[in-house]
Amino acid sequence: MVDKSPNTLPLTRVKTIMKSSPEVSSISLEALHLTGKATELFIQALAKFSYQQSSNKSFLQYNDLAEIVNSEDTLQFLHDIVPRKIKAKEFLKLMKDKHDDDE
């Protein structure tokens, strides 16, 4: 059965992102709709999985998403996009430690 529900992501944005790749010269309307729908389904699945793994069931937090992305090998491509949050003080300490190790 084909899902006839409209896309909730703006297809103009999806197209812009797709066209940002140098390998893409043209995008058919069908490919655009399929990519948009696949992206929506992926986001829903990621949010559902993160929610199921979270300790707080009243709402989903960024840290829940970051934890799933950084712990699941299949989501490794999102590590740079959804990093774990750290405090500036912790980051500066990491940078200092790294600098000390390089010397």
PDB file of N, CA and C in Angstrom:
ATOM      1  N   MET A   1       0.835  -1.179   0.000  1.00  0.00           N
ATOM      2  CA  MET A   1       0.000   0.000   0.000  1.00  0.00           C
ATOM      3  C   MET A   1       0.884   1.248   0.000  1.00  0.00           C
ATOM      4  N   VAL A   2       0.556   2.202  -0.801  1.00  0.00           N
ATOM      5  CA  VAL A   2       1.320   3.435  -0.932  1.00  0.00           C
ATOM      6  C   VAL A   2       0.787   4.458   0.057  1.00  0.00           C
ATOM      7  N   ASP A   3       1.710   5.089   0.771  1.00  0.00           N
ATOM      8  CA  ASP A   3       1.338   6.134   1.729  1.00  0.00           C
ATOM      9  C   ASP A   3       1.075   7.422   0.966  1.00  0.00           C
ATOM     10  N   LYS A   4      -0.143   7.900   0.993  1.00  0.00           N
ATOM     11  CA  LYS A   4      -0.521   9.107   0.248  1.00  0.00           C
ATOM     12  C   LYS A   4      -0.451  10.363   1.104  1.00  0.00           C
ATOM     13  N   SER A   5      -0.014  10.246   2.364  1.00  0.00           N
ATOM     14  CA  SER A   5       0.045  11.427   3.225  1.00  0.00           C
ATOM     15  C   SER A   5       1.109  12.394   2.707  1.00  0.00           C
ATOM     16  N   PRO A   6       0.848  13.680   2.847  1.00  0.00           N
ATOM     17  CA  PRO A   6       1.811  14.670   2.349  1.00  0.00           C
ATOM     18  C   PRO A   6       3.083  14.667   3.195  1.00  0.00           C
ATOM     19  N   ASN A   7       4.153  15.102   2.572  1.00  0.00           N
ATOM     20  CA  ASN A   7       5.414  15.218   3.302  1.00  0.00           C
ATOM     21  C   ASN A   7       5.304  16.356   4.305  1.00  0.00           C
ATOM     22  N   THR A   8       5.909  16.164   5.471  1.00  0.00           N
ATOM     23  CA  THR A   8       5.906  17.234   6.460  1.00  0.00           C
ATOM     24  C   THR A   8       7.175  18.068   6.379  1.00  0.00           C
ATOM     25  N   LEU A   9       8.223  17.526   5.779  1.00  0.00           N
ATOM     26  CA  LEU A   9       9.435  18.313   5.567  1.00  0.00           C
ATOM     27  C   LEU A   9       9.244  19.172   4.319  1.00  0.00           C
ATOM     28  N   PRO A  10       9.739  20.398   4.338  1.00  0.00           N
ATOM     29  CA  PRO A  10       9.616  21.242   3.146  1.00  0.00           C
ATOM     30  C   PRO A  10      10.485  20.681   2.017  1.00  0.00           C
ATOM     31  N   LEU A  11       9.851  20.304   0.928  1.00  0.00           N
ATOM     32  CA  LEU A  11      10.568  19.668  -0.171  1.00  0.00           C
ATOM     33  C   LEU A  11      11.562  20.609  -0.845  1.00  0.00           C
ATOM     34  N   THR A  12      11.339  21.906  -0.758  1.00  0.00           N
ATOM     35  CA  THR A  12      12.319  22.830  -1.323  1.00  0.00           C
ATOM     36  C   THR A  12      13.643  22.749  -0.562  1.00  0.00           C
ATOM     37  N   ARG A  13      13.559  22.557   0.757  1.00  0.00           N
ATOM     38  CA  ARG A  13      14.786  22.396   1.561  1.00  0.00           C
ATOM     39  C   ARG A  13      15.475  21.079   1.235  1.00  0.00           C
ATOM     40  N   VAL A  14      14.666  20.021   1.115  1.00  0.00           N
ATOM     41  CA  VAL A  14      15.225  18.708   0.774  1.00  0.00           C
ATOM     42  C   VAL A  14      15.945  18.804  -0.569  1.00  0.00           C
ATOM     43  N   LYS A  15      15.329  19.464  -1.526  1.00  0.00           N
ATOM     44  CA  LYS A  15      15.932  19.611  -2.854  1.00  0.00           C
ATOM     45  C   LYS A  15      17.225  20.422  -2.772  1.00  0.00           C
ATOM     46  N   THR A  16      17.220  21.482  -1.988  1.00  0.00           N
ATOM     47  CA  THR A  16      18.426  22.302  -1.829  1.00  0.00           C
ATOM     48  C   THR A  16      19.573  21.479  -1.259  1.00  0.00           C
ATOM     49  N   ILE A  17      19.262  20.660  -0.273  1.00  0.00           N
ATOM     50  CA  ILE A  17      20.297  19.812   0.332  1.00  0.00           C
ATOM     51  C   ILE A  17      20.798  18.784  -0.676  1.00  0.00           C
ATOM     52  N   MET A  18      19.879  18.183  -1.417  1.00  0.00           N
ATOM     53  CA  MET A  18      20.271  17.201  -2.424  1.00  0.00           C
ATOM     54  C   MET A  18      21.122  17.849  -3.511  1.00  0.00           C
ATOM     55  N   LYS A  19      20.766  19.058  -3.931  1.00  0.00           N
ATOM     56  CA  LYS A  19      21.497  19.743  -4.998  1.00  0.00           C
ATOM     57  C   LYS A  19      22.860  20.250  -4.528  1.00  0.00           C
ATOM     58  N   SER A  20      23.078  20.287  -3.218  1.00  0.00           N
ATOM     59  CA  SER A  20      24.377  20.751  -2.713  1.00  0.00           C
ATOM     60  C   SER A  20      25.485  19.748  -3.008  1.00  0.00           C
ATOM     61  N   SER A  21      25.116  18.533  -3.371  1.00  0.00           N
ATOM     62  CA  SER A  21      26.108  17.530  -3.748  1.00  0.00           C
ATOM     63  C   SER A  21      26.569  17.774  -5.177  1.00  0.00           C
ATOM     64  N   PRO A  22      27.869  17.804  -5.415  1.00  0.00           N
ATOM     65  CA  PRO A  22      28.352  18.068  -6.777  1.00  0.00           C
ATOM     66  C   PRO A  22      27.987  16.954  -7.769  1.00  0.00           C
ATOM     67  N   GLU A  23      27.696  15.755  -7.266  1.00  0.00           N
ATOM     68  CA  GLU A  23      27.353  14.643  -8.158  1.00  0.00           C
ATOM     69  C   GLU A  23      25.916  14.717  -8.666  1.00  0.00           C
ATOM     70  N   VAL A  24      25.089  15.553  -8.049  1.00  0.00           N
ATOM     71  CA  VAL A  24      23.676  15.630  -8.415  1.00  0.00           C
ATOM     72  C   VAL A  24      23.469  16.754  -9.420  1.00  0.00           C
ATOM     73  N   SER A  25      22.968  16.388 -10.599  1.00  0.00           N
ATOM     74  CA  SER A  25      22.712  17.415 -11.608  1.00  0.00           C
ATOM     75  C   SER A  25      21.220  17.740 -11.710  1.00  0.00           C
ATOM     76  N   SER A  26      20.384  16.719 -11.597  1.00  0.00           N
ATOM     77  CA  SER A  26      18.939  16.958 -11.624  1.00  0.00           C
ATOM     78  C   SER A  26      18.248  15.966 -10.700  1.00  0.00           C
ATOM     79  N   ILE A  27      17.078  16.350 -10.228  1.00  0.00           N
ATOM     80  CA  ILE A  27      16.321  15.526  -9.286  1.00  0.00           C
ATOM     81  C   ILE A  27      14.895  15.411  -9.802  1.00  0.00           C
ATOM     82  N   SER A  28      14.452  14.182 -10.001  1.00  0.00           N
ATOM     83  CA  SER A  28      13.074  13.995 -10.447  1.00  0.00           C
ATOM     84  C   SER A  28      12.123  14.255  -9.284  1.00  0.00           C
ATOM     85  N   LEU A  29      10.905  14.577  -9.607  1.00  0.00           N
ATOM     86  CA  LEU A  29       9.895  14.846  -8.591  1.00  0.00           C
ATOM     87  C   LEU A  29       9.669  13.612  -7.715  1.00  0.00           C
ATOM     88  N   GLU A  30       9.691  12.433  -8.340  1.00  0.00           N
ATOM     89  CA  GLU A  30       9.498  11.186  -7.584  1.00  0.00           C
ATOM     90  C   GLU A  30      10.637  10.970  -6.597  1.00  0.00           C
ATOM     91  N   ALA A  31      11.869  11.205  -7.059  1.00  0.00           N
ATOM     92  CA  ALA A  31      13.029  11.043  -6.169  1.00  0.00           C
ATOM     93  C   ALA A  31      12.973  12.033  -5.013  1.00  0.00           C
ATOM     94  N   LEU A  32      12.532  13.230  -5.300  1.00  0.00           N
ATOM     95  CA  LEU A  32      12.419  14.251  -4.259  1.00  0.00           C
ATOM     96  C   LEU A  32      11.398  13.838  -3.200  1.00  0.00           C
ATOM     97  N   HIS A  33      10.232  13.377  -3.637  1.00  0.00           N
ATOM     98  CA  HIS A  33       9.201  12.946  -2.698  1.00  0.00           C
ATOM     99  C   HIS A  33       9.647  11.720  -1.896  1.00  0.00           C
ATOM    100  N   LEU A  34      10.286  10.766  -2.563  1.00  0.00           N
ATOM    101  CA  LEU A  34      10.756   9.568  -1.865  1.00  0.00           C
ATOM    102  C   LEU A  34      11.841   9.893  -0.846  1.00  0.00           C
ATOM    103  N   THR A  35      12.751  10.776  -1.212  1.00  0.00           N
ATOM    104  CA  THR A  35      13.811  11.172  -0.283  1.00  0.00           C
ATOM    105  C   THR A  35      13.229  11.908   0.913  1.00  0.00           C
ATOM    106  N   GLY A  36      12.278  12.786   0.659  1.00  0.00           N
ATOM    107  CA  GLY A  36      11.622  13.501   1.756  1.00  0.00           C
ATOM    108  C   GLY A  36      10.899  12.560   2.691  1.00  0.00           C
ATOM    109  N   LYS A  37      10.152  11.610   2.131  1.00  0.00           N
ATOM    110  CA  LYS A  37       9.407  10.657   2.956  1.00  0.00           C
ATOM    111  C   LYS A  37      10.360   9.739   3.727  1.00  0.00           C
ATOM    112  N   ALA A  38      11.420   9.277   3.070  1.00  0.00           N
ATOM    113  CA  ALA A  38      12.401   8.415   3.741  1.00  0.00           C
ATOM    114  C   ALA A  38      13.071   9.164   4.895  1.00  0.00           C
ATOM    115  N   THR A  39      13.348  10.440   4.700  1.00  0.00           N
ATOM    116  CA  THR A  39      13.949  11.249   5.760  1.00  0.00           C
ATOM    117  C   THR A  39      12.996  11.392   6.937  1.00  0.00           C
ATOM    118  N   GLU A  40      11.727  11.639   6.653  1.00  0.00           N
ATOM    119  CA  GLU A  40      10.723  11.732   7.719  1.00  0.00           C
ATOM    120  C   GLU A  40      10.638  10.433   8.512  1.00  0.00           C
ATOM    121  N   LEU A  41      10.611   9.321   7.810  1.00  0.00           N
ATOM    122  CA  LEU A  41      10.518   8.018   8.488  1.00  0.00           C
ATOM    123  C   LEU A  41      11.764   7.743   9.322  1.00  0.00           C
ATOM    124  N   PHE A  42      12.931   8.138   8.804  1.00  0.00           N
ATOM    125  CA  PHE A  42      14.171   7.961   9.562  1.00  0.00           C
ATOM    126  C   PHE A  42      14.147   8.794  10.839  1.00  0.00           C
ATOM    127  N   ILE A  43      13.715  10.043  10.731  1.00  0.00           N
ATOM    128  CA  ILE A  43      13.654  10.921  11.904  1.00  0.00           C
ATOM    129  C   ILE A  43      12.675  10.356  12.937  1.00  0.00           C
ATOM    130  N   GLN A  44      11.534   9.860  12.473  1.00  0.00           N
ATOM    131  CA  GLN A  44      10.560   9.261  13.391  1.00  0.00           C
ATOM    132  C   GLN A  44      11.145   8.040  14.097  1.00  0.00           C
ATOM    133  N   ALA A  45      11.832   7.183  13.346  1.00  0.00           N
ATOM    134  CA  ALA A  45      12.418   5.982  13.936  1.00  0.00           C
ATOM    135  C   ALA A  45      13.511   6.351  14.942  1.00  0.00           C
ATOM    136  N   LEU A  46      14.344   7.325  14.606  1.00  0.00           N
ATOM    137  CA  LEU A  46      15.407   7.772  15.517  1.00  0.00           C
ATOM    138  C   LEU A  46      14.816   8.341  16.798  1.00  0.00           C
ATOM    139  N   ALA A  47      13.785   9.161  16.669  1.00  0.00           N
ATOM    140  CA  ALA A  47      13.145   9.756  17.846  1.00  0.00           C
ATOM    141  C   ALA A  47      12.479   8.673  18.701  1.00  0.00           C
ATOM    142  N   LYS A  48      11.812   7.725  18.063  1.00  0.00           N
ATOM    143  CA  LYS A  48      11.135   6.654  18.806  1.00  0.00           C
ATOM    144  C   LYS A  48      12.151   5.788  19.553  1.00  0.00           C
ATOM    145  N   PHE A  49      13.236   5.421  18.886  1.00  0.00           N
ATOM    146  CA  PHE A  49      14.268   4.595  19.516  1.00  0.00           C
ATOM    147  C   PHE A  49      14.926   5.349  20.671  1.00  0.00           C
ATOM    148  N   SER A  50      15.198   6.636  20.471  1.00  0.00           N
ATOM    149  CA  SER A  50      15.804   7.454  21.527  1.00  0.00           C
ATOM    150  C   SER A  50      14.863   7.570  22.721  1.00  0.00           C
ATOM    151  N   TYR A  51      13.592   7.763  22.444  1.00  0.00           N
ATOM    152  CA  TYR A  51      12.593   7.873  23.512  1.00  0.00           C
ATOM    153  C   TYR A  51      12.497   6.566  24.303  1.00  0.00           C
ATOM    154  N   GLN A  52      12.515   5.437  23.598  1.00  0.00           N
ATOM    155  CA  GLN A  52      12.428   4.138  24.271  1.00  0.00           C
ATOM    156  C   GLN A  52      13.626   3.900  25.179  1.00  0.00           C
ATOM    157  N   GLN A  53      14.778   4.413  24.806  1.00  0.00           N
ATOM    158  CA  GLN A  53      15.998   4.212  25.587  1.00  0.00           C
ATOM    159  C   GLN A  53      16.192   5.260  26.677  1.00  0.00           C
ATOM    160  N   SER A  54      15.407   6.326  26.637  1.00  0.00           N
ATOM    161  CA  SER A  54      15.603   7.414  27.594  1.00  0.00           C
ATOM    162  C   SER A  54      15.073   7.034  28.973  1.00  0.00           C
ATOM    163  N   SER A  55      15.624   7.660  29.976  1.00  0.00           N
ATOM    164  CA  SER A  55      15.179   7.399  31.345  1.00  0.00           C
ATOM    165  C   SER A  55      13.969   8.251  31.706  1.00  0.00           C
ATOM    166  N   ASN A  56      13.813   9.392  31.062  1.00  0.00           N
ATOM    167  CA  ASN A  56      12.693  10.285  31.333  1.00  0.00           C
ATOM    168  C   ASN A  56      11.636  10.097  30.247  1.00  0.00           C
ATOM    169  N   LYS A  57      10.516   9.484  30.598  1.00  0.00           N
ATOM    170  CA  LYS A  57       9.488   9.181  29.598  1.00  0.00           C
ATOM    171  C   LYS A  57       8.477  10.308  29.403  1.00  0.00           C
ATOM    172  N   SER A  58       8.683  11.455  30.063  1.00  0.00           N
ATOM    173  CA  SER A  58       7.736  12.546  29.877  1.00  0.00           C
ATOM    174  C   SER A  58       8.048  13.360  28.619  1.00  0.00           C
ATOM    175  N   PHE A  59       9.330  13.388  28.201  1.00  0.00           N
ATOM    176  CA  PHE A  59       9.696  14.076  26.964  1.00  0.00           C
ATOM    177  C   PHE A  59      11.070  13.615  26.502  1.00  0.00           C
ATOM    178  N   LEU A  60      11.353  13.871  25.246  1.00  0.00           N
ATOM    179  CA  LEU A  60      12.620  13.497  24.630  1.00  0.00           C
ATOM    180  C   LEU A  60      13.559  14.698  24.674  1.00  0.00           C
ATOM    181  N   GLN A  61      14.792  14.462  25.100  1.00  0.00           N
ATOM    182  CA  GLN A  61      15.765  15.544  25.199  1.00  0.00           C
ATOM    183  C   GLN A  61      16.892  15.327  24.196  1.00  0.00           C
ATOM    184  N   TYR A  62      17.606  16.405  23.901  1.00  0.00           N
ATOM    185  CA  TYR A  62      18.741  16.341  22.986  1.00  0.00           C
ATOM    186  C   TYR A  62      19.744  15.280  23.451  1.00  0.00           C
ATOM    187  N   ASN A  63      19.992  15.225  24.747  1.00  0.00           N
ATOM    188  CA  ASN A  63      20.964  14.261  25.276  1.00  0.00           C
ATOM    189  C   ASN A  63      20.557  12.821  24.971  1.00  0.00           C
ATOM    190  N   ASP A  64      19.242  12.540  24.933  1.00  0.00           N
ATOM    191  CA  ASP A  64      18.772  11.198  24.587  1.00  0.00           C
ATOM    192  C   ASP A  64      19.167  10.853  23.144  1.00  0.00           C
ATOM    193  N   LEU A  65      18.961  11.802  22.244  1.00  0.00           N
ATOM    194  CA  LEU A  65      19.342  11.588  20.844  1.00  0.00           C
ATOM    195  C   LEU A  65      20.852  11.432  20.705  1.00  0.00           C
ATOM    196  N   ALA A  66      21.595  12.307  21.360  1.00  0.00           N
ATOM    197  CA  ALA A  66      23.053  12.264  21.268  1.00  0.00           C
ATOM    198  C   ALA A  66      23.600  10.953  21.808  1.00  0.00           C
ATOM    199  N   GLU A  67      23.005  10.449  22.870  1.00  0.00           N
ATOM    200  CA  GLU A  67      23.472   9.193  23.457  1.00  0.00           C
ATOM    201  C   GLU A  67      23.255   8.031  22.490  1.00  0.00           C
ATOM    202  N   ILE A  68      22.097   7.977  21.842  1.00  0.00           N
ATOM    203  CA  ILE A  68      21.815   6.908  20.887  1.00  0.00           C
ATOM    204  C   ILE A  68      22.746   7.013  19.687  1.00  0.00           C
ATOM    205  N   VAL A  69      22.900   8.222  19.150  1.00  0.00           N
ATOM    206  CA  VAL A  69      23.756   8.422  17.980  1.00  0.00           C
ATOM    207  C   VAL A  69      25.191   8.013  18.284  1.00  0.00           C
ATOM    208  N   ASN A  70      25.662   8.330  19.469  1.00  0.00           N
ATOM    209  CA  ASN A  70      27.053   8.041  19.806  1.00  0.00           C
ATOM    210  C   ASN A  70      27.279   6.640  20.341  1.00  0.00           C
ATOM    211  N   SER A  71      26.221   5.886  20.599  1.00  0.00           N
ATOM    212  CA  SER A  71      26.400   4.521  21.102  1.00  0.00           C
ATOM    213  C   SER A  71      26.063   3.447  20.060  1.00  0.00           C
ATOM    214  N   GLU A  72      25.343   3.801  19.025  1.00  0.00           N
ATOM    215  CA  GLU A  72      24.953   2.842  17.996  1.00  0.00           C
ATOM    216  C   GLU A  72      25.875   2.957  16.782  1.00  0.00           C
ATOM    217  N   ASP A  73      26.499   1.842  16.399  1.00  0.00           N
ATOM    218  CA  ASP A  73      27.410   1.863  15.250  1.00  0.00           C
ATOM    219  C   ASP A  73      26.700   2.235  13.953  1.00  0.00           C
ATOM    220  N   THR A  74      25.443   1.847  13.810  1.00  0.00           N
ATOM    221  CA  THR A  74      24.714   2.138  12.569  1.00  0.00           C
ATOM    222  C   THR A  74      24.422   3.622  12.405  1.00  0.00           C
ATOM    223  N   LEU A  75      24.537   4.387  13.479  1.00  0.00           N
ATOM    224  CA  LEU A  75      24.281   5.832  13.416  1.00  0.00           C
ATOM    225  C   LEU A  75      25.569   6.650  13.452  1.00  0.00           C
ATOM    226  N   GLN A  76      26.683   5.995  13.205  1.00  0.00           N
ATOM    227  CA  GLN A  76      27.984   6.645  13.281  1.00  0.00           C
ATOM    228  C   GLN A  76      28.092   7.835  12.330  1.00  0.00           C
ATOM    229  N   PHE A  77      27.371   7.829  11.226  1.00  0.00           N
ATOM    230  CA  PHE A  77      27.431   8.940  10.273  1.00  0.00           C
ATOM    231  C   PHE A  77      26.856  10.237  10.853  1.00  0.00           C
ATOM    232  N   LEU A  78      26.163  10.162  11.991  1.00  0.00           N
ATOM    233  CA  LEU A  78      25.584  11.347  12.628  1.00  0.00           C
ATOM    234  C   LEU A  78      26.419  11.884  13.790  1.00  0.00           C
ATOM    235  N   HIS A  79      27.561  11.257  14.073  1.00  0.00           N
ATOM    236  CA  HIS A  79      28.379  11.666  15.235  1.00  0.00           C
ATOM    237  C   HIS A  79      28.716  13.147  15.227  1.00  0.00           C
ATOM    238  N   ASP A  80      29.078  13.702  14.069  1.00  0.00           N
ATOM    239  CA  ASP A  80      29.456  15.118  14.008  1.00  0.00           C
ATOM    240  C   ASP A  80      28.246  16.040  14.044  1.00  0.00           C
ATOM    241  N   ILE A  81      27.091  15.525  13.662  1.00  0.00           N
ATOM    242  CA  ILE A  81      25.887  16.349  13.596  1.00  0.00           C
ATOM    243  C   ILE A  81      25.171  16.397  14.938  1.00  0.00           C
ATOM    244  N   VAL A  82      25.195  15.288  15.682  1.00  0.00           N
ATOM    245  CA  VAL A  82      24.517  15.205  16.985  1.00  0.00           C
ATOM    246  C   VAL A  82      25.544  14.753  18.032  1.00  0.00           C
ATOM    247  N   PRO A  83      26.485  15.627  18.370  1.00  0.00           N
ATOM    248  CA  PRO A  83      27.497  15.229  19.363  1.00  0.00           C
ATOM    249  C   PRO A  83      26.941  15.273  20.780  1.00  0.00           C
ATOM    250  N   ARG A  84      27.621  14.575  21.670  1.00  0.00           N
ATOM    251  CA  ARG A  84      27.271  14.694  23.090  1.00  0.00           C
ATOM    252  C   ARG A  84      27.624  16.106  23.536  1.00  0.00           C
ATOM    253  N   LYS A  85      26.779  16.684  24.369  1.00  0.00           N
ATOM    254  CA  LYS A  85      27.056  18.025  24.890  1.00  0.00           C
ATOM    255  C   LYS A  85      28.048  17.913  26.043  1.00  0.00           C
ATOM    256  N   ILE A  86      28.988  18.833  26.051  1.00  0.00           N
ATOM    257  CA  ILE A  86      29.888  18.944  27.198  1.00  0.00           C
ATOM    258  C   ILE A  86      29.988  20.420  27.556  1.00  0.00           C
ATOM    259  N   LYS A  87      30.342  20.672  28.786  1.00  0.00           N
ATOM    260  CA  LYS A  87      30.481  22.050  29.246  1.00  0.00           C
ATOM    261  C   LYS A  87      31.780  22.633  28.699  1.00  0.00           C
ATOM    262  N   ALA A  88      31.804  23.937  28.556  1.00  0.00           N
ATOM    263  CA  ALA A  88      32.975  24.625  28.024  1.00  0.00           C
ATOM    264  C   ALA A  88      34.210  24.326  28.867  1.00  0.00           C
ATOM    265  N   LYS A  89      34.032  24.273  30.181  1.00  0.00           N
ATOM    266  CA  LYS A  89      35.158  23.985  31.075  1.00  0.00           C
ATOM    267  C   LYS A  89      35.758  22.606  30.768  1.00  0.00           C
ATOM    268  N   GLU A  90      34.887  21.615  30.527  1.00  0.00           N
ATOM    269  CA  GLU A  90      35.357  20.268  30.194  1.00  0.00           C
ATOM    270  C   GLU A  90      36.085  20.259  28.845  1.00  0.00           C
ATOM    271  N   PHE A  91      35.545  21.003  27.875  1.00  0.00           N
ATOM    272  CA  PHE A  91      36.170  21.080  26.557  1.00  0.00           C
ATOM    273  C   PHE A  91      37.557  21.709  26.649  1.00  0.00           C
ATOM    274  N   LEU A  92      37.651  22.799  27.390  1.00  0.00           N
ATOM    275  CA  LEU A  92      38.949  23.465  27.538  1.00  0.00           C
ATOM    276  C   LEU A  92      39.965  22.549  28.220  1.00  0.00           C
ATOM    277  N   LYS A  93      39.507  21.772  29.205  1.00  0.00           N
ATOM    278  CA  LYS A  93      40.403  20.823  29.865  1.00  0.00           C
ATOM    279  C   LYS A  93      40.867  19.750  28.878  1.00  0.00           C
ATOM    280  N   LEU A  94      39.952  19.250  28.046  1.00  0.00           N
ATOM    281  CA  LEU A  94      40.322  18.261  27.030  1.00  0.00           C
ATOM    282  C   LEU A  94      41.354  18.833  26.054  1.00  0.00           C
ATOM    283  N   MET A  95      41.148  20.077  25.638  1.00  0.00           N
ATOM    284  CA  MET A  95      42.077  20.712  24.704  1.00  0.00           C
ATOM    285  C   MET A  95      43.442  20.920  25.362  1.00  0.00           C
ATOM    286  N   LYS A  96      43.439  21.315  26.640  1.00  0.00           N
ATOM    287  CA  LYS A  96      44.707  21.501  27.358  1.00  0.00           C
ATOM    288  C   LYS A  96      45.436  20.173  27.490  1.00  0.00           C
ATOM    289  N   ASP A  97      44.702  19.120  27.854  1.00  0.00           N
ATOM    290  CA  ASP A  97      45.310  17.796  27.991  1.00  0.00           C
ATOM    291  C   ASP A  97      45.883  17.315  26.656  1.00  0.00           C
ATOM    292  N   LYS A  98      45.154  17.569  25.592  1.00  0.00           N
ATOM    293  CA  LYS A  98      45.633  17.167  24.272  1.00  0.00           C
ATOM    294  C   LYS A  98      46.891  17.939  23.904  1.00  0.00           C
ATOM    295  N   HIS A  99      46.884  19.236  24.196  1.00  0.00           N
ATOM    296  CA  HIS A  99      48.056  20.073  23.908  1.00  0.00           C
ATOM    297  C   HIS A  99      49.262  19.595  24.719  1.00  0.00           C
ATOM    298  N   ASP A 100      49.037  19.243  25.981  1.00  0.00           N
ATOM    299  CA  ASP A 100      50.124  18.746  26.837  1.00  0.00           C
ATOM    300  C   ASP A 100      50.663  17.419  26.317  1.00  0.00           C
ATOM    301  N   ASP A 101      49.786  16.565  25.793  1.00  0.00           N
ATOM    302  CA  ASP A 101      50.227  15.277  25.243  1.00  0.00           C
ATOM    303  C   ASP A 101      51.040  15.462  23.973  1.00  0.00           C
ATOM    304  N   ASP A 102      50.742  16.508  23.206  1.00  0.00           N
ATOM    305  CA  ASP A 102      51.445  16.751  21.951  1.00  0.00           C
ATOM    306  C   ASP A 102      52.859  17.271  22.188  1.00  0.00           C
ATOM    307  N   GLU A 103      53.094  17.848  23.331  1.00  0.00           N
ATOM    308  CA  GLU A 103      54.418  18.423  23.613  1.00  0.00           C
ATOM    309  C   GLU A 103      55.396  17.397  24.081  1.00  0.00           C
TER     310      GLU A 103
END
